[in-house]
């Protein structure tokens, strides 16, 4: 069923809905609604379930960027971390993308947001490209296979407070009907100094923006 409210009536009962839609759903018949199903919609829906999730976190990218055949590499980002209550809000902008052989794939040409111009920290994070990575159930992200896919090659930055690390996964998404593009998934681990003076990454946060 399409999302247009003109395609259904609030007077329909469940029986009426099944009568009209079930056969098409089971048989793959009927008129397809001409819309895309962007992967980021589903990732954003489960993001609040991650421990340490902080509303307002983001990683900005230029949606026109094209990584070509590159399967991975690194991104350099300008970012800041702000303590909001007991949580950490991450804000970042991708400045540069490099392939594994250090070839520069893309560079930022738009200006930094005002709040990053005086508080930015520049860091480099691992980047990986996958064909299709469906979001796990809300509690399924703790499985080792899922963690290995979205928390690869992380290293902690402990020269500031809080300590943090991040990995970035790029995958295919539907931008619209029969139109594909890239969506970016950023996983950030943050932590605070312990009593011995070292920092442990103890709080976790997932945020995605494309």
C-alpha atoms as a PDB file:
ATOM      1  CA  UNK A   1       0.000   0.000   0.000  1.00  0.00           C
ATOM      2  CA  UNK A   2       1.334   3.409  -0.905  1.00  0.00           C
ATOM      3  CA  UNK A   3       1.925   6.112   1.679  1.00  0.00           C
ATOM      4  CA  UNK A   4      -0.445   8.564   0.036  1.00  0.00           C
ATOM      5  CA  UNK A   5      -3.449   8.883   2.345  1.00  0.00           C
ATOM      6  CA  UNK A   6      -5.695   8.998  -0.703  1.00  0.00           C
ATOM      7  CA  UNK A   7      -5.010   5.297  -1.209  1.00  0.00           C
ATOM      8  CA  UNK A   8      -6.874   4.191   1.909  1.00  0.00           C
ATOM      9  CA  UNK A   9      -9.829   5.150   4.050  1.00  0.00           C
ATOM     10  CA  UNK A  10      -9.999   5.518   7.818  1.00  0.00           C
ATOM     11  CA  UNK A  11     -13.345   3.712   7.616  1.00  0.00           C
ATOM     12  CA  UNK A  12     -11.696   0.477   6.483  1.00  0.00           C
ATOM     13  CA  UNK A  13     -11.727  -2.412   8.927  1.00  0.00           C
ATOM     14  CA  UNK A  14      -8.876  -4.912   9.082  1.00  0.00           C
ATOM     15  CA  UNK A  15     -11.049  -7.330   7.123  1.00  0.00           C
ATOM     16  CA  UNK A  16     -11.547  -4.749   4.361  1.00  0.00           C
ATOM     17  CA  UNK A  17      -7.808  -4.012   4.221  1.00  0.00           C
ATOM     18  CA  UNK A  18      -6.970  -7.719   3.905  1.00  0.00           C
ATOM     19  CA  UNK A  19      -9.644  -8.167   1.267  1.00  0.00           C
ATOM     20  CA  UNK A  20      -8.164  -5.385  -0.852  1.00  0.00           C
ATOM     21  CA  UNK A  21      -4.449  -5.879  -0.274  1.00  0.00           C
ATOM     22  CA  UNK A  22      -3.574  -9.398   0.888  1.00  0.00           C
ATOM     23  CA  UNK A  23      -3.747 -11.123  -2.511  1.00  0.00           C
ATOM     24  CA  UNK A  24      -1.460  -8.515  -4.082  1.00  0.00           C
ATOM     25  CA  UNK A  25       0.979  -8.764  -1.187  1.00  0.00           C
ATOM     26  CA  UNK A  26       1.157 -12.559  -1.397  1.00  0.00           C
ATOM     27  CA  UNK A  27       1.247 -12.801  -5.178  1.00  0.00           C
ATOM     28  CA  UNK A  28       3.359  -9.766  -6.010  1.00  0.00           C
ATOM     29  CA  UNK A  29       0.556  -8.331  -8.099  1.00  0.00           C
ATOM     30  CA  UNK A  30      -1.170  -4.976  -8.170  1.00  0.00           C
ATOM     31  CA  UNK A  31       0.218  -1.559  -8.978  1.00  0.00           C
ATOM     32  CA  UNK A  32       3.567  -0.787  -7.356  1.00  0.00           C
ATOM     33  CA  UNK A  33       3.733   2.483  -5.502  1.00  0.00           C
ATOM     34  CA  UNK A  34       6.399   4.595  -7.312  1.00  0.00           C
ATOM     35  CA  UNK A  35       8.554   5.425  -4.300  1.00  0.00           C
ATOM     36  CA  UNK A  36      11.931   4.522  -2.926  1.00  0.00           C
ATOM     37  CA  UNK A  37      12.639   2.740   0.353  1.00  0.00           C
ATOM     38  CA  UNK A  38      15.698   4.540   1.708  1.00  0.00           C
ATOM     39  CA  UNK A  39      17.843   2.375   3.988  1.00  0.00           C
ATOM     40  CA  UNK A  40      18.524   5.305   6.318  1.00  0.00           C
ATOM     41  CA  UNK A  41      14.853   5.409   7.300  1.00  0.00           C
ATOM     42  CA  UNK A  42      15.198   1.981   8.922  1.00  0.00           C
ATOM     43  CA  UNK A  43      18.579   2.704  10.527  1.00  0.00           C
ATOM     44  CA  UNK A  44      17.335   5.979  11.986  1.00  0.00           C
ATOM     45  CA  UNK A  45      14.334   4.143  13.415  1.00  0.00           C
ATOM     46  CA  UNK A  46      16.517   1.819  15.522  1.00  0.00           C
ATOM     47  CA  UNK A  47      19.222   4.364  16.392  1.00  0.00           C
ATOM     48  CA  UNK A  48      17.469   5.512  19.625  1.00  0.00           C
ATOM     49  CA  UNK A  49      17.678   1.911  20.894  1.00  0.00           C
ATOM     50  CA  UNK A  50      21.481   2.073  21.017  1.00  0.00           C
ATOM     51  CA  UNK A  51      22.919   2.766  24.492  1.00  0.00           C
ATOM     52  CA  UNK A  52      24.234   6.318  24.666  1.00  0.00           C
ATOM     53  CA  UNK A  53      22.197   7.578  21.701  1.00  0.00           C
ATOM     54  CA  UNK A  54      22.085  11.387  21.758  1.00  0.00           C
ATOM     55  CA  UNK A  55      19.476  13.320  19.799  1.00  0.00           C
ATOM     56  CA  UNK A  56      21.032  15.963  17.557  1.00  0.00           C
ATOM     57  CA  UNK A  57      24.200  14.042  16.708  1.00  0.00           C
ATOM     58  CA  UNK A  58      25.160  13.993  13.044  1.00  0.00           C
ATOM     59  CA  UNK A  59      27.864  13.464  10.419  1.00  0.00           C
ATOM     60  CA  UNK A  60      27.410  15.684   7.337  1.00  0.00           C
ATOM     61  CA  UNK A  61      28.473  14.550   3.852  1.00  0.00           C
ATOM     62  CA  UNK A  62      27.967  15.921   0.351  1.00  0.00           C
ATOM     63  CA  UNK A  63      25.227  13.808  -1.248  1.00  0.00           C
ATOM     64  CA  UNK A  64      26.788  14.355  -4.702  1.00  0.00           C
ATOM     65  CA  UNK A  65      29.952  12.454  -3.777  1.00  0.00           C
ATOM     66  CA  UNK A  66      30.672   9.271  -5.714  1.00  0.00           C
ATOM     67  CA  UNK A  67      33.174   6.735  -4.363  1.00  0.00           C
ATOM     68  CA  UNK A  68      33.341   4.890  -7.676  1.00  0.00           C
ATOM     69  CA  UNK A  69      34.774   1.374  -7.338  1.00  0.00           C
ATOM     70  CA  UNK A  70      36.511   2.050  -4.010  1.00  0.00           C
ATOM     71  CA  UNK A  71      35.639  -0.626  -1.447  1.00  0.00           C
ATOM     72  CA  UNK A  72      37.093   1.225   1.516  1.00  0.00           C
ATOM     73  CA  UNK A  73      39.654   3.642   2.845  1.00  0.00           C
ATOM     74  CA  UNK A  74      39.491   6.501   5.321  1.00  0.00           C
ATOM     75  CA  UNK A  75      37.614   9.720   5.910  1.00  0.00           C
ATOM     76  CA  UNK A  76      39.011  12.856   7.505  1.00  0.00           C
ATOM     77  CA  UNK A  77      36.373  14.763   9.444  1.00  0.00           C
ATOM     78  CA  UNK A  78      36.037  17.965  11.420  1.00  0.00           C
ATOM     79  CA  UNK A  79      34.083  17.116  14.543  1.00  0.00           C
ATOM     80  CA  UNK A  80      33.192  18.104  18.081  1.00  0.00           C
ATOM     81  CA  UNK A  81      31.819  16.298  21.121  1.00  0.00           C
ATOM     82  CA  UNK A  82      29.536  18.017  23.598  1.00  0.00           C
ATOM     83  CA  UNK A  83      28.308  16.616  26.907  1.00  0.00           C
ATOM     84  CA  UNK A  84      24.514  16.753  27.147  1.00  0.00           C
ATOM     85  CA  UNK A  85      23.559  15.514  30.624  1.00  0.00           C
ATOM     86  CA  UNK A  86      25.068  12.047  30.915  1.00  0.00           C
ATOM     87  CA  UNK A  87      25.292  11.585  27.131  1.00  0.00           C
ATOM     88  CA  UNK A  88      27.721  12.779  24.472  1.00  0.00           C
ATOM     89  CA  UNK A  89      26.510  14.610  21.372  1.00  0.00           C
ATOM     90  CA  UNK A  90      28.704  14.093  18.288  1.00  0.00           C
ATOM     91  CA  UNK A  91      28.698  16.578  15.421  1.00  0.00           C
ATOM     92  CA  UNK A  92      30.927  16.164  12.409  1.00  0.00           C
ATOM     93  CA  UNK A  93      31.524  17.060   8.765  1.00  0.00           C
ATOM     94  CA  UNK A  94      33.474  14.882   6.324  1.00  0.00           C
ATOM     95  CA  UNK A  95      36.357  16.927   4.907  1.00  0.00           C
ATOM     96  CA  UNK A  96      38.082  14.355   2.711  1.00  0.00           C
ATOM     97  CA  UNK A  97      37.745  10.749   1.538  1.00  0.00           C
ATOM     98  CA  UNK A  98      40.727   8.613   0.538  1.00  0.00           C
ATOM     99  CA  UNK A  99      40.883   5.119  -0.950  1.00  0.00           C
ATOM    100  CA  UNK A 100      43.115   2.401   0.507  1.00  0.00           C
ATOM    101  CA  UNK A 101      45.944   3.514  -1.798  1.00  0.00           C
ATOM    102  CA  UNK A 102      45.613   7.094  -0.448  1.00  0.00           C
ATOM    103  CA  UNK A 103      44.040   8.400  -3.657  1.00  0.00           C
ATOM    104  CA  UNK A 104      41.805  11.364  -2.808  1.00  0.00           C
ATOM    105  CA  UNK A 105      38.249  10.492  -3.870  1.00  0.00           C
ATOM    106  CA  UNK A 106      36.362  13.568  -2.677  1.00  0.00           C
ATOM    107  CA  UNK A 107      36.956  16.802  -0.751  1.00  0.00           C
ATOM    108  CA  UNK A 108      34.530  19.088   1.023  1.00  0.00           C
ATOM    109  CA  UNK A 109      33.756  22.357  -0.752  1.00  0.00           C
ATOM    110  CA  UNK A 110      30.922  23.663   1.426  1.00  0.00           C
ATOM    111  CA  UNK A 111      31.685  25.736   4.576  1.00  0.00           C
ATOM    112  CA  UNK A 112      31.742  24.313   8.082  1.00  0.00           C
ATOM    113  CA  UNK A 113      28.663  24.905  10.230  1.00  0.00           C
ATOM    114  CA  UNK A 114      29.261  27.918  12.529  1.00  0.00           C
ATOM    115  CA  UNK A 115      29.446  25.874  15.742  1.00  0.00           C
ATOM    116  CA  UNK A 116      32.323  23.776  14.323  1.00  0.00           C
ATOM    117  CA  UNK A 117      34.514  26.657  13.192  1.00  0.00           C
ATOM    118  CA  UNK A 118      35.914  27.368  16.655  1.00  0.00           C
ATOM    119  CA  UNK A 119      35.529  23.966  18.341  1.00  0.00           C
ATOM    120  CA  UNK A 120      36.545  21.529  15.637  1.00  0.00           C
ATOM    121  CA  UNK A 121      38.830  18.544  16.137  1.00  0.00           C
ATOM    122  CA  UNK A 122      40.137  16.884  12.965  1.00  0.00           C
ATOM    123  CA  UNK A 123      40.257  13.082  13.048  1.00  0.00           C
ATOM    124  CA  UNK A 124      40.606  10.216  10.557  1.00  0.00           C
ATOM    125  CA  UNK A 125      38.221   7.244  10.652  1.00  0.00           C
ATOM    126  CA  UNK A 126      38.065   3.918   8.751  1.00  0.00           C
ATOM    127  CA  UNK A 127      35.637   3.645   5.842  1.00  0.00           C
ATOM    128  CA  UNK A 128      34.172   0.494   4.308  1.00  0.00           C
ATOM    129  CA  UNK A 129      31.702  -0.073   1.490  1.00  0.00           C
ATOM    130  CA  UNK A 130      29.180  -2.934   1.471  1.00  0.00           C
ATOM    131  CA  UNK A 131      26.549  -3.890  -1.087  1.00  0.00           C
ATOM    132  CA  UNK A 132      23.616  -4.197   1.280  1.00  0.00           C
ATOM    133  CA  UNK A 133      23.517  -4.143   5.069  1.00  0.00           C
ATOM    134  CA  UNK A 134      20.005  -4.363   6.473  1.00  0.00           C
ATOM    135  CA  UNK A 135      19.442  -2.986   9.983  1.00  0.00           C
ATOM    136  CA  UNK A 136      19.316  -5.671  12.690  1.00  0.00           C
ATOM    137  CA  UNK A 137      16.455  -5.954  15.181  1.00  0.00           C
ATOM    138  CA  UNK A 138      16.596  -3.292  17.883  1.00  0.00           C
ATOM    139  CA  UNK A 139      18.477  -5.619  20.248  1.00  0.00           C
ATOM    140  CA  UNK A 140      20.355  -7.544  17.541  1.00  0.00           C
ATOM    141  CA  UNK A 141      23.203  -5.059  17.062  1.00  0.00           C
ATOM    142  CA  UNK A 142      25.054  -6.614  20.014  1.00  0.00           C
ATOM    143  CA  UNK A 143      25.669  -9.820  18.052  1.00  0.00           C
ATOM    144  CA  UNK A 144      29.354 -10.274  17.204  1.00  0.00           C
ATOM    145  CA  UNK A 145      28.708 -10.498  13.454  1.00  0.00           C
ATOM    146  CA  UNK A 146      26.862  -7.174  13.455  1.00  0.00           C
ATOM    147  CA  UNK A 147      29.469  -5.464  15.637  1.00  0.00           C
ATOM    148  CA  UNK A 148      32.290  -6.714  13.421  1.00  0.00           C
ATOM    149  CA  UNK A 149      30.541  -5.219  10.396  1.00  0.00           C
ATOM    150  CA  UNK A 150      29.930  -1.758  11.833  1.00  0.00           C
ATOM    151  CA  UNK A 151      32.795  -1.373  14.325  1.00  0.00           C
ATOM    152  CA  UNK A 152      35.732  -2.430  12.130  1.00  0.00           C
ATOM    153  CA  UNK A 153      39.298  -1.141  12.595  1.00  0.00           C
ATOM    154  CA  UNK A 154      38.287   1.368  15.263  1.00  0.00           C
ATOM    155  CA  UNK A 155      40.976   3.025  17.350  1.00  0.00           C
ATOM    156  CA  UNK A 156      40.433   5.240  20.332  1.00  0.00           C
ATOM    157  CA  UNK A 157      41.341   8.938  20.368  1.00  0.00           C
ATOM    158  CA  UNK A 158      42.336   9.560  23.971  1.00  0.00           C
ATOM    159  CA  UNK A 159      44.079  12.943  23.718  1.00  0.00           C
ATOM    160  CA  UNK A 160      40.879  14.767  24.668  1.00  0.00           C
ATOM    161  CA  UNK A 161      37.875  14.313  26.870  1.00  0.00           C
ATOM    162  CA  UNK A 162      35.822  12.300  26.242  1.00  0.00           C
ATOM    163  CA  UNK A 163      37.726   9.581  24.437  1.00  0.00           C
ATOM    164  CA  UNK A 164      36.013   8.354  21.284  1.00  0.00           C
ATOM    165  CA  UNK A 165      36.304   6.308  18.109  1.00  0.00           C
ATOM    166  CA  UNK A 166      34.215   5.953  14.966  1.00  0.00           C
ATOM    167  CA  UNK A 167      33.749   3.800  11.882  1.00  0.00           C
ATOM    168  CA  UNK A 168      31.813   4.705   8.713  1.00  0.00           C
ATOM    169  CA  UNK A 169      30.001   2.247   6.425  1.00  0.00           C
ATOM    170  CA  UNK A 170      28.689   3.216   2.987  1.00  0.00           C
ATOM    171  CA  UNK A 171      26.025   1.134   1.293  1.00  0.00           C
ATOM    172  CA  UNK A 172      23.464   1.293  -1.500  1.00  0.00           C
ATOM    173  CA  UNK A 173      20.085   2.897  -0.849  1.00  0.00           C
ATOM    174  CA  UNK A 174      17.025   3.901  -2.845  1.00  0.00           C
ATOM    175  CA  UNK A 175      16.894   7.640  -3.381  1.00  0.00           C
ATOM    176  CA  UNK A 176      13.599   7.348  -5.242  1.00  0.00           C
ATOM    177  CA  UNK A 177      11.672   5.085  -7.584  1.00  0.00           C
ATOM    178  CA  UNK A 178      14.236   3.146  -9.653  1.00  0.00           C
ATOM    179  CA  UNK A 179      16.974   5.536  -8.499  1.00  0.00           C
ATOM    180  CA  UNK A 180      19.846   4.378  -6.295  1.00  0.00           C
ATOM    181  CA  UNK A 181      22.603   6.159  -4.400  1.00  0.00           C
ATOM    182  CA  UNK A 182      24.684   5.896  -1.232  1.00  0.00           C
ATOM    183  CA  UNK A 183      23.736   6.034   2.415  1.00  0.00           C
ATOM    184  CA  UNK A 184      26.291   6.545   5.188  1.00  0.00           C
ATOM    185  CA  UNK A 185      26.202   4.770   8.547  1.00  0.00           C
ATOM    186  CA  UNK A 186      28.388   6.229  11.321  1.00  0.00           C
ATOM    187  CA  UNK A 187      29.001   4.335  14.560  1.00  0.00           C
ATOM    188  CA  UNK A 188      30.562   6.330  17.405  1.00  0.00           C
ATOM    189  CA  UNK A 189      31.873   4.931  20.694  1.00  0.00           C
ATOM    190  CA  UNK A 190      32.531   7.458  23.457  1.00  0.00           C
ATOM    191  CA  UNK A 191      33.871   7.188  26.995  1.00  0.00           C
ATOM    192  CA  UNK A 192      35.356   9.071  29.923  1.00  0.00           C
ATOM    193  CA  UNK A 193      38.521   9.001  32.018  1.00  0.00           C
ATOM    194  CA  UNK A 194      38.639   6.306  34.689  1.00  0.00           C
ATOM    195  CA  UNK A 195      40.289   6.565  38.110  1.00  0.00           C
ATOM    196  CA  UNK A 196      43.689   5.369  36.870  1.00  0.00           C
ATOM    197  CA  UNK A 197      43.884   8.264  34.408  1.00  0.00           C
ATOM    198  CA  UNK A 198      43.270   6.161  31.333  1.00  0.00           C
ATOM    199  CA  UNK A 199      40.161   6.437  29.201  1.00  0.00           C
ATOM    200  CA  UNK A 200      37.841   3.573  28.394  1.00  0.00           C
ATOM    201  CA  UNK A 201      35.242   3.611  25.644  1.00  0.00           C
ATOM    202  CA  UNK A 202      32.227   2.751  27.750  1.00  0.00           C
ATOM    203  CA  UNK A 203      29.250   4.524  26.214  1.00  0.00           C
ATOM    204  CA  UNK A 204      27.959   3.767  22.758  1.00  0.00           C
ATOM    205  CA  UNK A 205      25.998   5.845  20.325  1.00  0.00           C
ATOM    206  CA  UNK A 206      24.748   5.300  16.804  1.00  0.00           C
ATOM    207  CA  UNK A 207      23.734   8.087  14.494  1.00  0.00           C
ATOM    208  CA  UNK A 208      23.165   8.207  10.793  1.00  0.00           C
ATOM    209  CA  UNK A 209      22.590  11.023   8.393  1.00  0.00           C
ATOM    210  CA  UNK A 210      22.885  11.139   4.635  1.00  0.00           C
END
